[in-house]
Amino acid sequence: MKNNVVIRESNENDRAFIFELSPYLAEVAKLDWHTEDAVQEMQDNYISEMLANTSTPSTTLIAEIENSPLGFIHVRTHKDGISGEICGTVPLLAVSPKSQGLGVGKLLMESAEQWAKNLDCRLLHLEVFANNSKANSFYKKLGFKSETLHMVKTI
């Protein structure tokens, strides 16, 4: 499978595919203190912001086999909150449900890491919903470690 996967930069034709994955991204949040509609709206807005043109160096990559998209990743530069240095950050990674477990996410993460290295970044950050245990496990296997924890309480 991995040998047949092509990783390429996204284009305008990929927008529909990217937004098709938005409900899956919202579903794994499992934030019972927010309505499902609020989480979905946040996710859609986040994707729109990600795809907007900005002066911050960034790229959205698509994994595909024979022109059939399997997943995407967005990577951009970010100022590290501790050292102040410019690093890479992955605000979004999504793999279609039918393609999960086949190594697509790992290939996309490797591509994001290479993109950041090409910009001389020393660190690669990412954000993941705390309740998304599958993703948390995946990122830990790739060598990511928790740095800060943002907590919420309903009052």
Protein backbone atom coordinates (compact mmCIF):
# COMPACT_ATOMS: atom_id res chain seq x y z
CA MET A 1 0.00 0.00 0.00
CA LYS A 2 2.61 2.56 1.08
CA ASN A 3 4.58 2.09 -2.14
CA ASN A 4 1.60 3.17 -4.24
CA VAL A 5 0.76 6.29 -2.22
CA VAL A 6 1.63 9.64 -3.74
CA ILE A 7 1.98 12.69 -1.50
CA ARG A 8 1.40 15.97 -3.30
CA GLU A 9 0.49 19.56 -2.55
CA SER A 10 -3.23 20.22 -2.49
CA ASN A 11 -5.02 22.35 -5.01
CA GLU A 12 -8.47 23.95 -5.30
CA ASN A 13 -9.94 20.65 -6.53
CA ASP A 14 -9.11 19.04 -3.16
CA ARG A 15 -11.35 21.35 -1.09
CA ALA A 16 -14.41 19.08 -1.33
CA PHE A 17 -12.42 16.04 -0.17
CA ILE A 18 -10.90 17.97 2.73
CA PHE A 19 -14.31 19.19 3.89
CA GLU A 20 -15.73 15.65 3.52
CA LEU A 21 -13.41 14.61 6.35
CA SER A 22 -14.52 17.45 8.64
CA PRO A 23 -17.35 15.43 10.30
CA TYR A 24 -14.88 12.67 11.20
CA LEU A 25 -12.53 15.24 12.75
CA ALA A 26 -15.39 16.73 14.76
CA GLU A 27 -16.73 13.32 15.80
CA VAL A 28 -13.52 12.23 17.55
CA ALA A 29 -13.44 15.38 19.71
CA LYS A 30 -15.98 13.92 22.17
CA LEU A 31 -16.46 17.23 23.97
CA ASP A 32 -19.71 16.66 25.86
CA TRP A 33 -19.67 20.22 27.24
CA HIS A 34 -20.16 21.54 23.67
CA THR A 35 -22.98 20.74 21.28
CA GLU A 36 -22.17 18.60 18.25
CA ASP A 37 -23.19 21.52 16.05
CA ALA A 38 -20.75 23.85 17.81
CA VAL A 39 -17.89 21.37 17.42
CA GLN A 40 -18.72 20.82 13.74
CA GLU A 41 -18.89 24.56 13.08
CA MET A 42 -15.53 25.05 14.81
CA GLN A 43 -14.01 22.27 12.70
CA ASP A 44 -15.38 23.67 9.43
CA ASN A 45 -14.14 27.17 10.33
CA TYR A 46 -10.74 25.75 11.27
CA ILE A 47 -10.43 24.06 7.89
CA SER A 48 -11.49 27.26 6.10
CA GLU A 49 -8.81 29.21 7.97
CA MET A 50 -6.27 26.52 7.16
CA LEU A 51 -7.01 26.74 3.45
CA ALA A 52 -7.00 30.56 3.35
CA ASN A 53 -4.02 32.34 1.87
CA THR A 54 -1.72 33.71 4.54
CA SER A 55 1.79 35.13 4.81
CA THR A 56 2.74 32.32 7.22
CA PRO A 57 4.66 29.58 5.40
CA SER A 58 2.37 26.57 5.12
CA THR A 59 1.30 23.70 2.92
CA THR A 60 -1.55 21.25 2.72
CA LEU A 61 -0.56 17.84 1.42
CA ILE A 62 -2.80 15.15 -0.04
CA ALA A 63 -2.09 11.42 0.07
CA GLU A 64 -3.60 9.57 -2.86
CA ILE A 65 -3.48 6.40 -4.91
CA GLU A 66 -4.26 6.67 -8.61
CA ASN A 67 -5.81 10.13 -8.15
CA SER A 68 -8.08 8.88 -5.36
CA PRO A 69 -7.50 10.91 -2.16
CA LEU A 70 -6.92 9.02 1.09
CA GLY A 71 -6.07 11.80 3.55
CA PHE A 72 -4.56 15.21 4.07
CA ILE A 73 -2.26 17.08 6.41
CA HIS A 74 -1.74 20.78 6.95
CA VAL A 75 1.61 22.01 8.25
CA ARG A 76 2.73 25.57 8.86
CA THR A 77 5.33 27.49 10.78
CA HIS A 78 4.64 28.53 14.33
CA LYS A 79 6.53 30.38 17.07
CA ASP A 80 7.39 28.02 19.91
CA GLY A 81 5.84 29.28 23.14
CA ILE A 82 8.87 28.36 25.24
CA SER A 83 11.97 28.97 23.14
CA GLY A 84 10.49 31.53 20.76
CA GLU A 85 12.06 29.76 17.79
CA ILE A 86 10.18 29.12 14.56
CA CYS A 87 9.06 25.52 14.34
CA GLY A 88 6.61 23.49 12.32
CA THR A 89 3.12 22.72 13.55
CA VAL A 90 0.47 20.30 12.32
CA PRO A 91 -2.96 21.71 13.12
CA LEU A 92 -4.81 19.10 11.05
CA LEU A 93 -4.28 15.54 9.90
CA ALA A 94 -7.15 13.44 8.60
CA VAL A 95 -7.28 10.07 6.89
CA SER A 96 -10.52 8.77 5.41
CA PRO A 97 -12.04 6.00 7.53
CA LYS A 98 -11.55 3.38 4.79
CA SER A 99 -7.82 4.23 4.60
CA GLN A 100 -7.03 4.26 8.32
CA GLY A 101 -4.56 1.71 9.61
CA LEU A 102 -2.78 1.42 6.26
CA GLY A 103 0.15 3.74 6.99
CA VAL A 104 -1.28 6.80 5.24
CA GLY A 105 -1.17 8.97 8.36
CA LYS A 106 2.44 8.03 8.99
CA LEU A 107 3.40 8.94 5.42
CA LEU A 108 1.67 12.30 5.75
CA MET A 109 3.40 12.99 9.08
CA GLU A 110 6.78 12.07 7.57
CA SER A 111 6.09 14.52 4.73
CA ALA A 112 5.13 17.28 7.18
CA GLU A 113 8.28 16.64 9.18
CA GLN A 114 10.40 16.86 6.03
CA TRP A 115 8.67 20.11 5.04
CA ALA A 116 9.53 21.60 8.46
CA LYS A 117 13.13 20.32 8.27
CA ASN A 118 13.49 21.97 4.87
CA LEU A 119 12.73 25.27 6.62
CA ASP A 120 15.39 24.50 9.25
CA CYS A 121 12.83 23.89 11.98
CA ARG A 122 14.09 21.94 14.97
CA LEU A 123 10.68 21.13 16.45
CA LEU A 124 7.37 19.91 15.10
CA HIS A 125 4.28 20.68 17.19
CA LEU A 126 0.78 19.33 16.85
CA GLU A 127 -2.57 19.61 18.56
CA VAL A 128 -4.93 16.72 19.15
CA PHE A 129 -8.18 16.45 21.06
CA ALA A 130 -7.45 14.95 24.47
CA ASN A 131 -10.28 12.42 24.10
CA ASN A 132 -8.97 11.13 20.77
CA SER A 133 -7.10 8.17 22.26
CA LYS A 134 -6.45 6.57 18.85
CA ALA A 135 -4.69 9.70 17.57
CA ASN A 136 -2.85 10.24 20.85
CA SER A 137 -1.45 6.71 20.65
CA PHE A 138 -0.49 7.20 16.99
CA TYR A 139 1.44 10.41 17.75
CA LYS A 140 3.24 8.88 20.73
CA LYS A 141 4.41 6.02 18.48
CA LEU A 142 5.86 8.67 16.17
CA GLY A 143 7.85 10.16 19.07
CA PHE A 144 5.64 13.08 20.11
CA LYS A 145 5.46 13.98 23.79
CA SER A 146 2.97 16.13 25.70
CA GLU A 147 4.27 19.59 26.52
CA THR A 148 1.25 21.44 27.90
CA LEU A 149 -2.30 20.42 28.70
CA HIS A 150 -5.28 22.74 28.20
CA MET A 151 -8.14 21.79 30.53
CA VAL A 152 -11.80 22.83 30.66
CA LYS A 153 -14.49 22.61 33.34
CA THR A 154 -18.20 23.21 32.88
CA ILE A 155 -19.43 25.62 35.58
